[in-house]
Amino acid sequence: MATRDRVIHVTPDAYDRLEREGGRRGVQPDALADELLAAELAPAQSDLDSILADLAEIRSRVRGPVDVVAVVREAREELEHRGL
């Protein structure tokens, strides 16, 4: 997704807290602000309902139960065959 810089004004106290927490986590204040905003502004419930409906539709097209153990075994064998 393409992004472009935006300016967000915060109080000096809020910026100080971003600096302290960013320092504790080893990230810059702007990176921490991005992370916090992304976590706080997660998809709305209506978006989640739409996603769940899409997943249900996809699942309805799957024929029968899937043997996950067999799928993983086959994938490992294929990787070993490729030398990975």
C-alpha atoms as a PDB file:
ATOM      1  CA  MET A   1       0.000   0.000   0.000  1.00  0.00           C
ATOM      2  CA  ALA A   2       1.375   3.389  -0.932  1.00  0.00           C
ATOM      3  CA  THR A   3       1.695   5.859   1.877  1.00  0.00           C
ATOM      4  CA  ARG A   4       2.691   9.449   2.214  1.00  0.00           C
ATOM      5  CA  ASP A   5       3.834  11.424   5.191  1.00  0.00           C
ATOM      6  CA  ARG A   6       1.283  13.318   7.241  1.00  0.00           C
ATOM      7  CA  VAL A   7       1.775  15.656  10.163  1.00  0.00           C
ATOM      8  CA  ILE A   8      -0.010  14.940  13.413  1.00  0.00           C
ATOM      9  CA  HIS A   9       0.184  17.492  16.192  1.00  0.00           C
ATOM     10  CA  VAL A  10       0.528  16.133  19.709  1.00  0.00           C
ATOM     11  CA  THR A  11       1.057  17.867  23.004  1.00  0.00           C
ATOM     12  CA  PRO A  12       4.617  18.162  24.282  1.00  0.00           C
ATOM     13  CA  ASP A  13       3.716  15.711  27.051  1.00  0.00           C
ATOM     14  CA  ALA A  14       2.408  13.145  24.541  1.00  0.00           C
ATOM     15  CA  TYR A  15       5.556  13.510  22.426  1.00  0.00           C
ATOM     16  CA  ASP A  16       7.739  13.047  25.523  1.00  0.00           C
ATOM     17  CA  ARG A  17       5.844   9.834  26.287  1.00  0.00           C
ATOM     18  CA  LEU A  18       6.325   8.653  22.684  1.00  0.00           C
ATOM     19  CA  GLU A  19      10.058   9.346  22.992  1.00  0.00           C
ATOM     20  CA  ARG A  20      10.356   7.499  26.301  1.00  0.00           C
ATOM     21  CA  GLU A  21       8.366   4.477  25.150  1.00  0.00           C
ATOM     22  CA  GLY A  22      10.106   4.483  21.781  1.00  0.00           C
ATOM     23  CA  GLY A  23      13.452   4.525  23.562  1.00  0.00           C
ATOM     24  CA  ARG A  24      12.365   1.622  25.742  1.00  0.00           C
ATOM     25  CA  ARG A  25      11.315  -0.359  22.656  1.00  0.00           C
ATOM     26  CA  GLY A  26      14.258   0.747  20.546  1.00  0.00           C
ATOM     27  CA  VAL A  27      12.161   2.548  17.913  1.00  0.00           C
ATOM     28  CA  GLN A  28      11.771   6.151  16.821  1.00  0.00           C
ATOM     29  CA  PRO A  29       8.753   8.117  18.113  1.00  0.00           C
ATOM     30  CA  ASP A  30       7.171   8.271  14.631  1.00  0.00           C
ATOM     31  CA  ALA A  31       7.459   4.488  14.187  1.00  0.00           C
ATOM     32  CA  LEU A  32       5.862   3.966  17.599  1.00  0.00           C
ATOM     33  CA  ALA A  33       3.051   6.386  16.704  1.00  0.00           C
ATOM     34  CA  ASP A  34       2.436   4.409  13.469  1.00  0.00           C
ATOM     35  CA  GLU A  35       2.322   1.149  15.432  1.00  0.00           C
ATOM     36  CA  LEU A  36      -0.042   2.528  18.066  1.00  0.00           C
ATOM     37  CA  LEU A  37      -2.374   4.062  15.483  1.00  0.00           C
ATOM     38  CA  ALA A  38      -2.500   0.846  13.461  1.00  0.00           C
ATOM     39  CA  ALA A  39      -3.381  -1.146  16.576  1.00  0.00           C
ATOM     40  CA  GLU A  40      -5.996   1.341  17.737  1.00  0.00           C
ATOM     41  CA  LEU A  41      -7.610   1.836  14.338  1.00  0.00           C
ATOM     42  CA  ALA A  42      -8.168  -1.831  13.539  1.00  0.00           C
ATOM     43  CA  PRO A  43     -10.953  -2.725  11.082  1.00  0.00           C
ATOM     44  CA  ALA A  44     -14.463  -1.917  12.255  1.00  0.00           C
ATOM     45  CA  GLN A  45     -16.825  -4.764  13.151  1.00  0.00           C
ATOM     46  CA  SER A  46     -18.677  -4.312   9.862  1.00  0.00           C
ATOM     47  CA  ASP A  47     -15.370  -4.893   8.034  1.00  0.00           C
ATOM     48  CA  LEU A  48     -14.803  -8.012  10.110  1.00  0.00           C
ATOM     49  CA  ASP A  49     -18.301  -9.258   9.332  1.00  0.00           C
ATOM     50  CA  SER A  50     -17.586  -8.830   5.635  1.00  0.00           C
ATOM     51  CA  ILE A  51     -14.271 -10.661   5.965  1.00  0.00           C
ATOM     52  CA  LEU A  52     -15.918 -13.518   7.865  1.00  0.00           C
ATOM     53  CA  ALA A  53     -18.617 -13.787   5.197  1.00  0.00           C
ATOM     54  CA  ASP A  54     -15.943 -13.955   2.497  1.00  0.00           C
ATOM     55  CA  LEU A  55     -14.104 -16.671   4.420  1.00  0.00           C
ATOM     56  CA  ALA A  56     -17.312 -18.662   4.848  1.00  0.00           C
ATOM     57  CA  GLU A  57     -17.904 -18.463   1.092  1.00  0.00           C
ATOM     58  CA  ILE A  58     -14.361 -19.665   0.359  1.00  0.00           C
ATOM     59  CA  ARG A  59     -14.710 -22.453   2.908  1.00  0.00           C
ATOM     60  CA  SER A  60     -17.940 -23.600   1.275  1.00  0.00           C
ATOM     61  CA  ARG A  61     -15.971 -24.259  -1.925  1.00  0.00           C
ATOM     62  CA  VAL A  62     -13.505 -26.593  -0.189  1.00  0.00           C
ATOM     63  CA  ARG A  63     -14.397 -30.204  -0.890  1.00  0.00           C
ATOM     64  CA  GLY A  64     -14.472 -32.259   2.266  1.00  0.00           C
ATOM     65  CA  PRO A  65     -12.267 -32.017   5.331  1.00  0.00           C
ATOM     66  CA  VAL A  66      -8.579 -31.259   4.922  1.00  0.00           C
ATOM     67  CA  ASP A  67      -5.976 -33.502   6.568  1.00  0.00           C
ATOM     68  CA  VAL A  68      -3.589 -30.831   7.812  1.00  0.00           C
ATOM     69  CA  VAL A  69      -0.997 -33.382   8.925  1.00  0.00           C
ATOM     70  CA  ALA A  70      -0.902 -34.873   5.429  1.00  0.00           C
ATOM     71  CA  VAL A  71      -0.594 -31.423   3.850  1.00  0.00           C
ATOM     72  CA  VAL A  72       2.354 -30.526   6.104  1.00  0.00           C
ATOM     73  CA  ARG A  73       4.002 -33.902   5.465  1.00  0.00           C
ATOM     74  CA  GLU A  74       3.681 -33.431   1.699  1.00  0.00           C
ATOM     75  CA  ALA A  75       5.084 -29.906   1.923  1.00  0.00           C
ATOM     76  CA  ARG A  76       8.084 -31.103   3.950  1.00  0.00           C
ATOM     77  CA  GLU A  77       8.737 -33.908   1.475  1.00  0.00           C
ATOM     78  CA  GLU A  78       8.592 -31.458  -1.414  1.00  0.00           C
ATOM     79  CA  LEU A  79      11.007 -29.089   0.334  1.00  0.00           C
ATOM     80  CA  GLU A  80      13.397 -31.959   1.088  1.00  0.00           C
ATOM     81  CA  HIS A  81      13.180 -33.064  -2.545  1.00  0.00           C
ATOM     82  CA  ARG A  82      14.108 -29.511  -3.612  1.00  0.00           C
ATOM     83  CA  GLY A  83      16.977 -29.477  -1.127  1.00  0.00           C
ATOM     84  CA  LEU A  84      15.549 -26.605   0.914  1.00  0.00           C
END
